[in-house]
Amino acid sequence: MGIICEWCGNPGENGENSVYWELPDGTRAIQITETPAVVCDTCKMVYQTDEITKEIEDQLFLVDTKKIGKSLSYKELMAMPRLLKRNYFDFTS
């Protein structure tokens, strides 16, 4: 089964876009380019799935954010070495 837009319920497709994310310490925001997204031609929404959002949030929590410039790609962010193996403060998984 294909992707269904969570906003309008019509078929969507995989795509990418740039997003802006506040760092966990609140000191600044960064641009994350080439971020996986759902693109809907019907309602024109472009958004990240809950899974991608969680991956970004966890990674930003687990890496040395001082080494992140103003902009980086999603793949670059996810390839950064983690300070911890996982987010031990996330009790949802």
PDB file of N, CA and C in Angstrom:
ATOM      1  N   MET A   1       0.845  -1.182   0.000  1.00  0.00           N
ATOM      2  CA  MET A   1       0.000   0.000   0.000  1.00  0.00           C
ATOM      3  C   MET A   1       0.884   1.236   0.000  1.00  0.00           C
ATOM      4  N   GLY A   2       0.484   2.254  -0.706  1.00  0.00           N
ATOM      5  CA  GLY A   2       1.269   3.472  -0.816  1.00  0.00           C
ATOM      6  C   GLY A   2       1.124   4.372   0.398  1.00  0.00           C
ATOM      7  N   ILE A   3       1.721   5.513   0.292  1.00  0.00           N
ATOM      8  CA  ILE A   3       1.694   6.500   1.367  1.00  0.00           C
ATOM      9  C   ILE A   3       0.369   7.256   1.320  1.00  0.00           C
ATOM     10  N   ILE A   4      -0.254   7.431   2.484  1.00  0.00           N
ATOM     11  CA  ILE A   4      -1.486   8.203   2.595  1.00  0.00           C
ATOM     12  C   ILE A   4      -1.180   9.478   3.376  1.00  0.00           C
ATOM     13  N   CYS A   5      -1.594  10.619   2.854  1.00  0.00           N
ATOM     14  CA  CYS A   5      -1.382  11.904   3.524  1.00  0.00           C
ATOM     15  C   CYS A   5      -2.160  11.926   4.840  1.00  0.00           C
ATOM     16  N   GLU A   6      -1.472  12.244   5.928  1.00  0.00           N
ATOM     17  CA  GLU A   6      -2.115  12.309   7.238  1.00  0.00           C
ATOM     18  C   GLU A   6      -3.028  13.526   7.370  1.00  0.00           C
ATOM     19  N   TRP A   7      -2.898  14.483   6.472  1.00  0.00           N
ATOM     20  CA  TRP A   7      -3.704  15.707   6.542  1.00  0.00           C
ATOM     21  C   TRP A   7      -5.025  15.568   5.809  1.00  0.00           C
ATOM     22  N   CYS A   8      -5.014  15.007   4.605  1.00  0.00           N
ATOM     23  CA  CYS A   8      -6.245  14.960   3.807  1.00  0.00           C
ATOM     24  C   CYS A   8      -6.709  13.548   3.475  1.00  0.00           C
ATOM     25  N   GLY A   9      -5.864  12.535   3.725  1.00  0.00           N
ATOM     26  CA  GLY A   9      -6.246  11.158   3.471  1.00  0.00           C
ATOM     27  C   GLY A   9      -6.065  10.694   2.037  1.00  0.00           C
ATOM     28  N   ASN A  10      -5.573  11.559   1.173  1.00  0.00           N
ATOM     29  CA  ASN A  10      -5.333  11.193  -0.221  1.00  0.00           C
ATOM     30  C   ASN A  10      -3.932  10.614  -0.379  1.00  0.00           C
ATOM     31  N   PRO A  11      -3.660   9.978  -1.515  1.00  0.00           N
ATOM     32  CA  PRO A  11      -2.321   9.419  -1.736  1.00  0.00           C
ATOM     33  C   PRO A  11      -1.233  10.507  -1.715  1.00  0.00           C
ATOM     34  N   GLY A  12      -0.117  10.172  -1.099  1.00  0.00           N
ATOM     35  CA  GLY A  12       1.051  11.050  -1.082  1.00  0.00           C
ATOM     36  C   GLY A  12       2.228  10.299  -1.661  1.00  0.00           C
ATOM     37  N   GLU A  13       3.377  10.943  -1.643  1.00  0.00           N
ATOM     38  CA  GLU A  13       4.579  10.283  -2.148  1.00  0.00           C
ATOM     39  C   GLU A  13       5.778  10.693  -1.318  1.00  0.00           C
ATOM     40  N   ASN A  14       6.831   9.889  -1.404  1.00  0.00           N
ATOM     41  CA  ASN A  14       8.075  10.211  -0.713  1.00  0.00           C
ATOM     42  C   ASN A  14       8.745  11.388  -1.391  1.00  0.00           C
ATOM     43  N   GLY A  15       9.329  12.256  -0.588  1.00  0.00           N
ATOM     44  CA  GLY A  15      10.069  13.389  -1.109  1.00  0.00           C
ATOM     45  C   GLY A  15      11.080  13.850  -0.077  1.00  0.00           C
ATOM     46  N   GLU A  16      11.597  15.034  -0.279  1.00  0.00           N
ATOM     47  CA  GLU A  16      12.561  15.640   0.650  1.00  0.00           C
ATOM     48  C   GLU A  16      12.259  17.123   0.747  1.00  0.00           C
ATOM     49  N   ASN A  17      12.633  17.720   1.877  1.00  0.00           N
ATOM     50  CA  ASN A  17      12.585  19.165   2.006  1.00  0.00           C
ATOM     51  C   ASN A  17      13.574  19.602   3.083  1.00  0.00           C
ATOM     52  N   SER A  18      13.715  20.902   3.220  1.00  0.00           N
ATOM     53  CA  SER A  18      14.561  21.465   4.268  1.00  0.00           C
ATOM     54  C   SER A  18      13.678  21.833   5.448  1.00  0.00           C
ATOM     55  N   VAL A  19      14.180  21.553   6.642  1.00  0.00           N
ATOM     56  CA  VAL A  19      13.450  21.886   7.863  1.00  0.00           C
ATOM     57  C   VAL A  19      14.371  22.689   8.771  1.00  0.00           C
ATOM     58  N   TYR A  20      13.766  23.389   9.709  1.00  0.00           N
ATOM     59  CA  TYR A  20      14.512  24.163  10.694  1.00  0.00           C
ATOM     60  C   TYR A  20      14.176  23.598  12.059  1.00  0.00           C
ATOM     61  N   TRP A  21      15.222  23.304  12.835  1.00  0.00           N
ATOM     62  CA  TRP A  21      15.030  22.604  14.094  1.00  0.00           C
ATOM     63  C   TRP A  21      15.751  23.341  15.210  1.00  0.00           C
ATOM     64  N   GLU A  22      15.076  23.513  16.327  1.00  0.00           N
ATOM     65  CA  GLU A  22      15.708  24.102  17.504  1.00  0.00           C
ATOM     66  C   GLU A  22      16.517  23.015  18.212  1.00  0.00           C
ATOM     67  N   LEU A  23      17.730  23.354  18.605  1.00  0.00           N
ATOM     68  CA  LEU A  23      18.568  22.395  19.321  1.00  0.00           C
ATOM     69  C   LEU A  23      17.970  22.117  20.695  1.00  0.00           C
ATOM     70  N   PRO A  24      18.233  20.944  21.269  1.00  0.00           N
ATOM     71  CA  PRO A  24      17.636  20.581  22.559  1.00  0.00           C
ATOM     72  C   PRO A  24      17.924  21.576  23.683  1.00  0.00           C
ATOM     73  N   ASP A  25      19.076  22.243  23.632  1.00  0.00           N
ATOM     74  CA  ASP A  25      19.397  23.207  24.692  1.00  0.00           C
ATOM     75  C   ASP A  25      18.769  24.573  24.444  1.00  0.00           C
ATOM     76  N   GLY A  26      18.100  24.740  23.316  1.00  0.00           N
ATOM     77  CA  GLY A  26      17.389  25.978  23.016  1.00  0.00           C
ATOM     78  C   GLY A  26      18.260  27.152  22.613  1.00  0.00           C
ATOM     79  N   THR A  27      19.548  26.922  22.370  1.00  0.00           N
ATOM     80  CA  THR A  27      20.456  28.033  22.084  1.00  0.00           C
ATOM     81  C   THR A  27      20.316  28.593  20.677  1.00  0.00           C
ATOM     82  N   ARG A  28      19.905  27.745  19.723  1.00  0.00           N
ATOM     83  CA  ARG A  28      19.790  28.200  18.340  1.00  0.00           C
ATOM     84  C   ARG A  28      19.020  27.175  17.522  1.00  0.00           C
ATOM     85  N   ALA A  29      18.722  27.561  16.300  1.00  0.00           N
ATOM     86  CA  ALA A  29      18.063  26.648  15.368  1.00  0.00           C
ATOM     87  C   ALA A  29      19.023  26.350  14.223  1.00  0.00           C
ATOM     88  N   ILE A  30      18.852  25.190  13.622  1.00  0.00           N
ATOM     89  CA  ILE A  30      19.680  24.786  12.489  1.00  0.00           C
ATOM     90  C   ILE A  30      18.782  24.403  11.316  1.00  0.00           C
ATOM     91  N   GLN A  31      19.358  24.425  10.134  1.00  0.00           N
ATOM     92  CA  GLN A  31      18.658  23.954   8.944  1.00  0.00           C
ATOM     93  C   GLN A  31      19.124  22.529   8.660  1.00  0.00           C
ATOM     94  N   ILE A  32      18.161  21.641   8.423  1.00  0.00           N
ATOM     95  CA  ILE A  32      18.472  20.267   8.037  1.00  0.00           C
ATOM     96  C   ILE A  32      17.920  20.086   6.629  1.00  0.00           C
ATOM     97  N   THR A  33      18.826  19.926   5.671  1.00  0.00           N
ATOM     98  CA  THR A  33      18.421  19.818   4.272  1.00  0.00           C
ATOM     99  C   THR A  33      18.207  18.357   3.882  1.00  0.00           C
ATOM    100  N   GLU A  34      17.547  18.160   2.763  1.00  0.00           N
ATOM    101  CA  GLU A  34      17.335  16.819   2.204  1.00  0.00           C
ATOM    102  C   GLU A  34      16.707  15.862   3.220  1.00  0.00           C
ATOM    103  N   THR A  35      15.760  16.386   4.002  1.00  0.00           N
ATOM    104  CA  THR A  35      15.089  15.597   5.025  1.00  0.00           C
ATOM    105  C   THR A  35      13.947  14.801   4.402  1.00  0.00           C
ATOM    106  N   PRO A  36      13.879  13.494   4.659  1.00  0.00           N
ATOM    107  CA  PRO A  36      12.773  12.706   4.109  1.00  0.00           C
ATOM    108  C   PRO A  36      11.425  13.307   4.512  1.00  0.00           C
ATOM    109  N   ALA A  37      10.503  13.342   3.553  1.00  0.00           N
ATOM    110  CA  ALA A  37       9.204  13.963   3.794  1.00  0.00           C
ATOM    111  C   ALA A  37       8.117  13.239   3.018  1.00  0.00           C
ATOM    112  N   VAL A  38       6.886  13.472   3.438  1.00  0.00           N
ATOM    113  CA  VAL A  38       5.716  13.053   2.674  1.00  0.00           C
ATOM    114  C   VAL A  38       5.240  14.280   1.915  1.00  0.00           C
ATOM    115  N   VAL A  39       5.009  14.124   0.620  1.00  0.00           N
ATOM    116  CA  VAL A  39       4.558  15.224  -0.236  1.00  0.00           C
ATOM    117  C   VAL A  39       3.180  14.853  -0.771  1.00  0.00           C
ATOM    118  N   CYS A  40       2.205  15.744  -0.563  1.00  0.00           N
ATOM    119  CA  CYS A  40       0.846  15.497  -1.039  1.00  0.00           C
ATOM    120  C   CYS A  40       0.499  16.509  -2.126  1.00  0.00           C
ATOM    121  N   ASP A  41       0.211  16.009  -3.317  1.00  0.00           N
ATOM    122  CA  ASP A  41      -0.178  16.885  -4.425  1.00  0.00           C
ATOM    123  C   ASP A  41      -1.589  17.432  -4.256  1.00  0.00           C
ATOM    124  N   THR A  42      -2.431  16.748  -3.490  1.00  0.00           N
ATOM    125  CA  THR A  42      -3.820  17.174  -3.328  1.00  0.00           C
ATOM    126  C   THR A  42      -3.934  18.395  -2.419  1.00  0.00           C
ATOM    127  N   CYS A  43      -3.419  18.285  -1.185  1.00  0.00           N
ATOM    128  CA  CYS A  43      -3.545  19.400  -0.228  1.00  0.00           C
ATOM    129  C   CYS A  43      -2.281  20.247  -0.137  1.00  0.00           C
ATOM    130  N   LYS A  44      -1.235  19.850  -0.865  1.00  0.00           N
ATOM    131  CA  LYS A  44       0.035  20.588  -0.955  1.00  0.00           C
ATOM    132  C   LYS A  44       0.862  20.556   0.334  1.00  0.00           C
ATOM    133  N   MET A  45       0.521  19.679   1.267  1.00  0.00           N
ATOM    134  CA  MET A  45       1.311  19.561   2.490  1.00  0.00           C
ATOM    135  C   MET A  45       2.613  18.823   2.201  1.00  0.00           C
ATOM    136  N   VAL A  46       3.661  19.253   2.871  1.00  0.00           N
ATOM    137  CA  VAL A  46       4.953  18.569   2.862  1.00  0.00           C
ATOM    138  C   VAL A  46       5.350  18.474   4.331  1.00  0.00           C
ATOM    139  N   TYR A  47       5.495  17.260   4.829  1.00  0.00           N
ATOM    140  CA  TYR A  47       5.746  17.107   6.255  1.00  0.00           C
ATOM    141  C   TYR A  47       6.594  15.872   6.529  1.00  0.00           C
ATOM    142  N   GLN A  48       7.170  15.842   7.739  1.00  0.00           N
ATOM    143  CA  GLN A  48       7.960  14.703   8.181  1.00  0.00           C
ATOM    144  C   GLN A  48       7.044  13.748   8.949  1.00  0.00           C
ATOM    145  N   THR A  49       7.279  12.461   8.777  1.00  0.00           N
ATOM    146  CA  THR A  49       6.524  11.466   9.538  1.00  0.00           C
ATOM    147  C   THR A  49       6.964  11.515  10.998  1.00  0.00           C
ATOM    148  N   ASP A  50       6.155  10.909  11.870  1.00  0.00           N
ATOM    149  CA  ASP A  50       6.517  10.835  13.283  1.00  0.00           C
ATOM    150  C   ASP A  50       7.841  10.108  13.475  1.00  0.00           C
ATOM    151  N   GLU A  51       8.099   9.103  12.649  1.00  0.00           N
ATOM    152  CA  GLU A  51       9.335   8.330  12.773  1.00  0.00           C
ATOM    153  C   GLU A  51      10.564   9.194  12.457  1.00  0.00           C
ATOM    154  N   ILE A  52      10.484   9.980  11.386  1.00  0.00           N
ATOM    155  CA  ILE A  52      11.604  10.862  11.019  1.00  0.00           C
ATOM    156  C   ILE A  52      11.801  11.924  12.092  1.00  0.00           C
ATOM    157  N   THR A  53      10.699  12.483  12.592  1.00  0.00           N
ATOM    158  CA  THR A  53      10.785  13.490  13.653  1.00  0.00           C
ATOM    159  C   THR A  53      11.490  12.916  14.871  1.00  0.00           C
ATOM    160  N   LYS A  54      11.126  11.696  15.271  1.00  0.00           N
ATOM    161  CA  LYS A  54      11.767  11.067  16.431  1.00  0.00           C
ATOM    162  C   LYS A  54      13.244  10.804  16.167  1.00  0.00           C
ATOM    163  N   GLU A  55      13.586  10.355  14.966  1.00  0.00           N
ATOM    164  CA  GLU A  55      14.995  10.123  14.633  1.00  0.00           C
ATOM    165  C   GLU A  55      15.805  11.412  14.763  1.00  0.00           C
ATOM    166  N   ILE A  56      15.270  12.515  14.267  1.00  0.00           N
ATOM    167  CA  ILE A  56      15.969  13.800  14.352  1.00  0.00           C
ATOM    168  C   ILE A  56      16.101  14.238  15.804  1.00  0.00           C
ATOM    169  N   GLU A  57      14.993  14.191  16.556  1.00  0.00           N
ATOM    170  CA  GLU A  57      15.019  14.603  17.965  1.00  0.00           C
ATOM    171  C   GLU A  57      16.030  13.778  18.758  1.00  0.00           C
ATOM    172  N   ASP A  58      15.994  12.455  18.592  1.00  0.00           N
ATOM    173  CA  ASP A  58      16.928  11.593  19.317  1.00  0.00           C
ATOM    174  C   ASP A  58      18.372  11.888  18.929  1.00  0.00           C
ATOM    175  N   GLN A  59      18.634  12.028  17.644  1.00  0.00           N
ATOM    176  CA  GLN A  59      20.005  12.266  17.195  1.00  0.00           C
ATOM    177  C   GLN A  59      20.529  13.593  17.737  1.00  0.00           C
ATOM    178  N   LEU A  60      19.708  14.638  17.698  1.00  0.00           N
ATOM    179  CA  LEU A  60      20.151  15.936  18.218  1.00  0.00           C
ATOM    180  C   LEU A  60      20.411  15.874  19.719  1.00  0.00           C
ATOM    181  N   PHE A  61      19.688  15.023  20.412  1.00  0.00           N
ATOM    182  CA  PHE A  61      19.887  14.858  21.850  1.00  0.00           C
ATOM    183  C   PHE A  61      21.172  14.089  22.150  1.00  0.00           C
ATOM    184  N   LEU A  62      21.607  13.233  21.220  1.00  0.00           N
ATOM    185  CA  LEU A  62      22.715  12.315  21.483  1.00  0.00           C
ATOM    186  C   LEU A  62      24.058  12.717  20.875  1.00  0.00           C
ATOM    187  N   VAL A  63      24.093  13.781  20.071  1.00  0.00           N
ATOM    188  CA  VAL A  63      25.351  14.198  19.450  1.00  0.00           C
ATOM    189  C   VAL A  63      25.858  15.480  20.101  1.00  0.00           C
ATOM    190  N   ASP A  64      27.111  15.793  19.836  1.00  0.00           N
ATOM    191  CA  ASP A  64      27.696  17.046  20.311  1.00  0.00           C
ATOM    192  C   ASP A  64      27.220  18.164  19.389  1.00  0.00           C
ATOM    193  N   THR A  65      26.206  18.901  19.809  1.00  0.00           N
ATOM    194  CA  THR A  65      25.602  19.922  18.948  1.00  0.00           C
ATOM    195  C   THR A  65      26.535  21.107  18.692  1.00  0.00           C
ATOM    196  N   LYS A  66      27.594  21.219  19.470  1.00  0.00           N
ATOM    197  CA  LYS A  66      28.564  22.298  19.217  1.00  0.00           C
ATOM    198  C   LYS A  66      29.303  22.074  17.894  1.00  0.00           C
ATOM    199  N   LYS A  67      29.291  20.843  17.407  1.00  0.00           N
ATOM    200  CA  LYS A  67      29.959  20.517  16.145  1.00  0.00           C
ATOM    201  C   LYS A  67      29.049  20.700  14.934  1.00  0.00           C
ATOM    202  N   ILE A  68      27.816  21.141  15.173  1.00  0.00           N
ATOM    203  CA  ILE A  68      26.865  21.350  14.080  1.00  0.00           C
ATOM    204  C   ILE A  68      26.882  22.822  13.688  1.00  0.00           C
ATOM    205  N   GLY A  69      27.066  23.073  12.394  1.00  0.00           N
ATOM    206  CA  GLY A  69      27.023  24.444  11.899  1.00  0.00           C
ATOM    207  C   GLY A  69      25.588  24.922  11.750  1.00  0.00           C
ATOM    208  N   LYS A  70      25.395  25.934  10.919  1.00  0.00           N
ATOM    209  CA  LYS A  70      24.055  26.481  10.703  1.00  0.00           C
ATOM    210  C   LYS A  70      23.189  25.568   9.859  1.00  0.00           C
ATOM    211  N   SER A  71      23.827  24.729   9.036  1.00  0.00           N
ATOM    212  CA  SER A  71      23.081  23.872   8.122  1.00  0.00           C
ATOM    213  C   SER A  71      23.843  22.576   7.880  1.00  0.00           C
ATOM    214  N   LEU A  72      23.102  21.478   7.760  1.00  0.00           N
ATOM    215  CA  LEU A  72      23.675  20.199   7.382  1.00  0.00           C
ATOM    216  C   LEU A  72      22.563  19.350   6.788  1.00  0.00           C
ATOM    217  N   SER A  73      22.947  18.310   6.079  1.00  0.00           N
ATOM    218  CA  SER A  73      21.937  17.439   5.481  1.00  0.00           C
ATOM    219  C   SER A  73      21.463  16.424   6.523  1.00  0.00           C
ATOM    220  N   TYR A  74      20.319  15.842   6.254  1.00  0.00           N
ATOM    221  CA  TYR A  74      19.771  14.799   7.121  1.00  0.00           C
ATOM    222  C   TYR A  74      20.770  13.642   7.245  1.00  0.00           C
ATOM    223  N   LYS A  75      21.356  13.230   6.137  1.00  0.00           N
ATOM    224  CA  LYS A  75      22.325  12.122   6.168  1.00  0.00           C
ATOM    225  C   LYS A  75      23.554  12.483   6.994  1.00  0.00           C
ATOM    226  N   GLU A  76      24.021  13.738   6.878  1.00  0.00           N
ATOM    227  CA  GLU A  76      25.172  14.171   7.680  1.00  0.00           C
ATOM    228  C   GLU A  76      24.829  14.139   9.167  1.00  0.00           C
ATOM    229  N   LEU A  77      23.639  14.612   9.514  1.00  0.00           N
ATOM    230  CA  LEU A  77      23.215  14.594  10.915  1.00  0.00           C
ATOM    231  C   LEU A  77      23.164  13.170  11.446  1.00  0.00           C
ATOM    232  N   MET A  78      22.545  12.281  10.689  1.00  0.00           N
ATOM    233  CA  MET A  78      22.385  10.911  11.160  1.00  0.00           C
ATOM    234  C   MET A  78      23.715  10.149  11.204  1.00  0.00           C
ATOM    235  N   ALA A  79      24.718  10.608  10.478  1.00  0.00           N
ATOM    236  CA  ALA A  79      26.035   9.961  10.474  1.00  0.00           C
ATOM    237  C   ALA A  79      26.947  10.476  11.586  1.00  0.00           C
ATOM    238  N   MET A  80      26.533  11.533  12.288  1.00  0.00           N
ATOM    239  CA  MET A  80      27.378  12.080  13.354  1.00  0.00           C
ATOM    240  C   MET A  80      27.515  11.063  14.487  1.00  0.00           C
ATOM    241  N   PRO A  81      28.720  10.976  15.076  1.00  0.00           N
ATOM    242  CA  PRO A  81      28.906  10.037  16.186  1.00  0.00           C
ATOM    243  C   PRO A  81      28.092  10.460  17.410  1.00  0.00           C
ATOM    244  N   ARG A  82      27.505   9.481  18.054  1.00  0.00           N
ATOM    245  CA  ARG A  82      26.692   9.736  19.248  1.00  0.00           C
ATOM    246  C   ARG A  82      27.554   9.692  20.505  1.00  0.00           C
ATOM    247  N   LEU A  83      27.169  10.510  21.479  1.00  0.00           N
ATOM    248  CA  LEU A  83      27.842  10.492  22.770  1.00  0.00           C
ATOM    249  C   LEU A  83      27.338   9.323  23.621  1.00  0.00           C
ATOM    250  N   LEU A  84      26.083   8.930  23.412  1.00  0.00           N
ATOM    251  CA  LEU A  84      25.479   7.769  24.057  1.00  0.00           C
ATOM    252  C   LEU A  84      24.932   6.855  22.970  1.00  0.00           C
ATOM    253  N   LYS A  85      24.717   5.583  23.293  1.00  0.00           N
ATOM    254  CA  LYS A  85      24.207   4.646  22.290  1.00  0.00           C
ATOM    255  C   LYS A  85      22.750   4.906  21.947  1.00  0.00           C
ATOM    256  N   ARG A  86      21.968   5.342  22.935  1.00  0.00           N
ATOM    257  CA  ARG A  86      20.554   5.615  22.691  1.00  0.00           C
ATOM    258  C   ARG A  86      20.081   6.676  23.670  1.00  0.00           C
ATOM    259  N   ASN A  87      18.862   7.141  23.469  1.00  0.00           N
ATOM    260  CA  ASN A  87      18.268   8.144  24.339  1.00  0.00           C
ATOM    261  C   ASN A  87      17.682   7.429  25.558  1.00  0.00           C
ATOM    262  N   TYR A  88      18.404   7.442  26.655  1.00  0.00           N
ATOM    263  CA  TYR A  88      17.974   6.734  27.857  1.00  0.00           C
ATOM    264  C   TYR A  88      16.837   7.447  28.582  1.00  0.00           C
ATOM    265  N   PHE A  89      16.496   8.658  28.150  1.00  0.00           N
ATOM    266  CA  PHE A  89      15.408   9.414  28.756  1.00  0.00           C
ATOM    267  C   PHE A  89      14.097   9.236  28.003  1.00  0.00           C
ATOM    268  N   ASP A  90      14.107   8.447  26.948  1.00  0.00           N
ATOM    269  CA  ASP A  90      12.901   8.179  26.164  1.00  0.00           C
ATOM    270  C   ASP A  90      12.314   6.858  26.640  1.00  0.00           C
ATOM    271  N   PHE A  91      11.193   6.944  27.341  1.00  0.00           N
ATOM    272  CA  PHE A  91      10.575   5.743  27.902  1.00  0.00           C
ATOM    273  C   PHE A  91       9.442   5.217  27.025  1.00  0.00           C
ATOM    274  N   THR A  92       9.311   5.760  25.802  1.00  0.00           N
ATOM    275  CA  THR A  92       8.239   5.328  24.912  1.00  0.00           C
ATOM    276  C   THR A  92       8.607   4.085  24.124  1.00  0.00           C
ATOM    277  N   SER A  93       9.897   3.777  24.018  1.00  0.00           N
ATOM    278  CA  SER A  93      10.284   2.615  23.207  1.00  0.00           C
ATOM    279  C   SER A  93      10.815   1.490  24.053  1.00  0.00           C
TER     280      SER A  93
END
